[in-house]
Every structure is written in C-alpha cells, then in structure tokens.
Amino acid sequence: MITFFTLSASSLPKKQKATRPHLPYAERKVRSGLTKALVAPLVLVSAASQASPAVSDIKGDWVLDDGNAVARVAPCAYAPSRLCAIVIQEVLAPGEESALNQIVVRDIRPTKLGQFSGQYQIGPQKTLPATIKIRSATVLEMKICMGIFCDTIKLVRKV
C-alpha cells in the first residue's frame, strides 16, 4: 500500500528521467518536503482505515489457531448490547470436558478502536479479564491474564 502512494524518480520511465530538468538544490528540498507532507497523511489515513474494521466485524464464527474449536461471537442473550463467544464446534482430546454450547467469553465491549474487553469464563462462577484486538478482517488476538501470567490465543475467521 505504501509503495502505491510514494513516488520517486526511480519509478519514472527512463525517457522521463533523461528529460527531467535539473532543479536547484533549494527547490528540490522544497518539492521533497511538499511530497512528504502530502503523501504521509494519505498513507496514515489509508493504514488506519484498514487496521481496525468496524465494531460489528467481530461478529461471526472464529476458529482457534490449532483448529480444535469454533466459537461464535454474537449478541449475548442476557444483554444484547454486549457480545458473547459461544463454542459451537470442538474436537476433544481423551479426558477433556466439553464446552459445547457454553459461553467462553462474556460481556465483550469495545474499549478502543479495534480493541475489546470481556470476561473469559474459566468455571461456573470464575472469570478472567480478556482483551481482544483486531489484527485484520480475518484475524483476532485474545489475551487472557491471571496476575502476571498471560496467554495469547489467535482466532481466524471461519470461511
């Protein structure tokens, strides 16, 4: 994306390079400064508009990076203004308890542009704080911490 907006003499055809008039040093510096001043905001606006999809973009089905579970992010039944993540598919190892149809993250709400917070459910009445960051339109990163120990889970949008 950045290379689309940045133009340099090296991107001109050879014919144009040869016929380009030589400018005095001061005028080249002014033009260079103007180009940077005009291009930098375009790059920043473009990057910002692609970095964080809209709040509703996290709704949908998300697969854990290891592929062992799929969670659906949708409005919570008890509070439609908040989002919840519910396990809709899972692959269990021998001896593991099923979390199928259970809420694993509750009270998901936006905190900053492209970032959410919620409560990760670890037991019937036990939760840990979780932060969710949108890395792209198809990738979420969830960080769950207990004291100084944290774990990061990557989720990929199910196609």
Protein backbone atom coordinates (compact mmCIF):
# COMPACT_ATOMS: atom_id res chain seq x y z
CA MET A 1 0.00 0.00 0.00
CA ILE A 2 2.74 2.44 0.92
CA THR A 3 4.56 1.91 -2.37
CA PHE A 4 1.36 2.88 -4.17
CA PHE A 5 1.49 6.38 -2.70
CA THR A 6 5.22 7.01 -2.69
CA LEU A 7 6.56 8.22 -5.98
CA SER A 8 10.22 8.59 -6.72
CA ALA A 9 12.40 9.35 -9.72
CA SER A 10 13.27 5.65 -9.92
CA SER A 11 9.60 4.86 -10.67
CA LEU A 12 9.61 7.11 -13.76
CA PRO A 13 10.28 5.61 -17.18
CA LYS A 14 13.86 6.08 -18.40
CA LYS A 15 12.75 8.54 -21.07
CA GLN A 16 11.24 10.84 -18.42
CA LYS A 17 14.34 10.58 -16.21
CA ALA A 18 16.58 11.77 -19.01
CA THR A 19 14.41 14.75 -19.95
CA ARG A 20 13.63 15.85 -16.38
CA PRO A 21 15.12 19.30 -15.81
CA HIS A 22 17.72 19.65 -13.08
CA LEU A 23 16.36 21.77 -10.27
CA PRO A 24 18.39 23.88 -7.89
CA TYR A 25 19.12 22.21 -4.54
CA ALA A 26 16.77 24.50 -2.56
CA GLU A 27 13.86 23.86 -4.93
CA ARG A 28 14.45 20.08 -4.79
CA LYS A 29 14.34 20.23 -0.97
CA VAL A 30 11.07 22.21 -1.03
CA ARG A 31 9.48 19.79 -3.50
CA SER A 32 10.71 16.83 -1.48
CA GLY A 33 9.23 18.32 1.70
CA LEU A 34 5.92 19.03 -0.03
CA THR A 35 5.75 15.50 -1.40
CA LYS A 36 6.37 14.03 2.06
CA ALA A 37 3.82 16.40 3.62
CA LEU A 38 1.17 15.37 1.10
CA VAL A 39 1.94 11.65 0.96
CA ALA A 40 2.36 10.91 4.69
CA PRO A 41 -1.25 11.80 5.66
CA LEU A 42 -2.59 9.67 2.79
CA VAL A 43 -0.57 6.70 3.96
CA LEU A 44 -1.63 7.18 7.60
CA VAL A 45 -5.32 7.55 6.74
CA SER A 46 -5.16 4.54 4.44
CA ALA A 47 -3.39 2.41 7.07
CA ALA A 48 -5.77 3.49 9.85
CA SER A 49 -8.84 2.73 7.77
CA GLN A 50 -7.59 -0.81 7.08
CA ALA A 51 -6.09 -1.56 10.51
CA SER A 52 -9.32 -1.74 12.50
CA PRO A 53 -12.53 -2.96 10.96
CA ALA A 54 -15.81 -1.71 12.42
CA VAL A 55 -17.08 -2.94 15.80
CA SER A 56 -19.63 -5.31 14.24
CA ASP A 57 -16.87 -7.03 12.25
CA ILE A 58 -16.02 -9.36 15.13
CA LYS A 59 -19.46 -10.94 14.98
CA GLY A 60 -19.34 -14.33 13.33
CA ASP A 61 -17.60 -17.68 13.62
CA TRP A 62 -13.94 -17.84 14.69
CA VAL A 63 -11.64 -20.88 14.64
CA LEU A 64 -8.88 -21.35 17.21
CA ASP A 65 -5.47 -21.34 15.56
CA ASP A 66 -5.00 -25.05 16.38
CA GLY A 67 -8.36 -25.84 14.73
CA ASN A 68 -9.76 -27.66 17.79
CA ALA A 69 -12.72 -25.34 18.39
CA VAL A 70 -15.02 -22.85 16.71
CA ALA A 71 -16.63 -20.02 18.68
CA ARG A 72 -19.50 -17.83 17.52
CA VAL A 73 -19.39 -14.16 18.54
CA ALA A 74 -22.93 -12.77 18.72
CA PRO A 75 -25.05 -10.53 20.98
CA CYS A 76 -25.45 -12.00 24.47
CA ALA A 77 -28.93 -13.35 25.25
CA TYR A 78 -28.96 -11.57 28.62
CA ALA A 79 -27.61 -8.22 27.29
CA PRO A 80 -27.98 -7.66 23.53
CA SER A 81 -25.74 -4.57 23.68
CA ARG A 82 -22.81 -6.82 24.66
CA LEU A 83 -21.23 -9.66 22.71
CA CYS A 84 -20.57 -13.22 23.86
CA ALA A 85 -18.45 -16.01 22.37
CA ILE A 86 -20.10 -19.45 22.46
CA VAL A 87 -18.40 -22.72 21.47
CA ILE A 88 -20.29 -24.19 18.50
CA GLN A 89 -17.82 -26.93 17.46
CA GLU A 90 -14.97 -28.69 19.22
CA VAL A 91 -12.54 -31.57 18.93
CA LEU A 92 -11.84 -33.09 22.33
CA ALA A 93 -8.77 -35.00 23.46
CA PRO A 94 -9.42 -38.02 25.71
CA GLY A 95 -10.41 -36.88 29.20
CA GLU A 96 -11.26 -33.28 28.25
CA GLU A 97 -14.56 -31.72 29.31
CA SER A 98 -16.86 -30.43 26.63
CA ALA A 99 -17.56 -26.70 26.36
CA LEU A 100 -20.02 -27.14 23.51
CA ASN A 101 -22.82 -24.51 23.58
CA GLN A 102 -21.24 -22.76 26.55
CA ILE A 103 -20.25 -19.10 26.78
CA VAL A 104 -16.46 -18.87 26.91
CA VAL A 105 -16.14 -15.08 26.72
CA ARG A 106 -18.88 -12.80 28.01
CA ASP A 107 -19.54 -9.07 28.15
CA ILE A 108 -17.38 -8.25 25.13
CA ARG A 109 -17.47 -4.50 24.57
CA PRO A 110 -15.35 -2.03 22.61
CA THR A 111 -12.68 -0.15 24.56
CA LYS A 112 -10.63 1.49 21.81
CA LEU A 113 -10.63 1.48 18.05
CA GLY A 114 -10.05 -2.16 17.07
CA GLN A 115 -9.88 -3.37 20.68
CA PHE A 116 -12.40 -5.00 23.01
CA SER A 117 -12.51 -6.27 26.58
CA GLY A 118 -14.53 -9.06 28.12
CA GLN A 119 -14.54 -11.83 30.70
CA TYR A 120 -13.06 -15.25 29.87
CA GLN A 121 -15.08 -17.96 31.62
CA ILE A 122 -12.86 -20.49 33.43
CA GLY A 123 -15.50 -22.01 35.71
CA PRO A 124 -19.15 -21.70 36.71
CA GLN A 125 -18.55 -18.50 38.70
CA LYS A 126 -14.92 -17.76 37.76
CA THR A 127 -13.77 -15.36 35.06
CA LEU A 128 -10.52 -13.73 33.98
CA PRO A 129 -10.16 -10.42 32.17
CA ALA A 130 -9.61 -10.74 28.42
CA THR A 131 -8.62 -8.22 25.78
CA ILE A 132 -9.36 -8.80 22.12
CA LYS A 133 -7.52 -6.97 19.36
CA ILE A 134 -8.49 -6.96 15.71
CA ARG A 135 -5.33 -7.78 13.75
CA SER A 136 -7.10 -7.87 10.38
CA ALA A 137 -10.56 -8.53 8.99
CA THR A 138 -9.84 -12.26 9.38
CA VAL A 139 -7.63 -12.45 12.50
CA LEU A 140 -8.35 -11.71 16.16
CA GLU A 141 -5.91 -11.96 19.04
CA MET A 142 -7.24 -12.58 22.54
CA LYS A 143 -5.04 -12.08 25.59
CA ILE A 144 -6.09 -13.61 28.91
CA CYS A 145 -4.16 -12.82 32.10
CA MET A 146 -4.13 -14.24 35.61
CA GLY A 147 -1.88 -11.99 37.67
CA ILE A 148 1.42 -11.69 35.82
CA PHE A 149 0.84 -14.82 33.72
CA CYS A 150 -0.79 -14.22 30.33
CA ASP A 151 -1.77 -16.38 27.39
CA THR A 152 -2.49 -15.17 23.87
CA ILE A 153 -4.93 -17.00 21.62
CA LYS A 154 -5.14 -16.38 17.90
CA LEU A 155 -8.52 -16.79 16.18
CA VAL A 156 -9.14 -16.89 12.44
CA ARG A 157 -12.48 -16.05 10.84
CA LYS A 158 -14.22 -19.18 9.56
CA VAL A 159 -14.93 -19.08 5.85
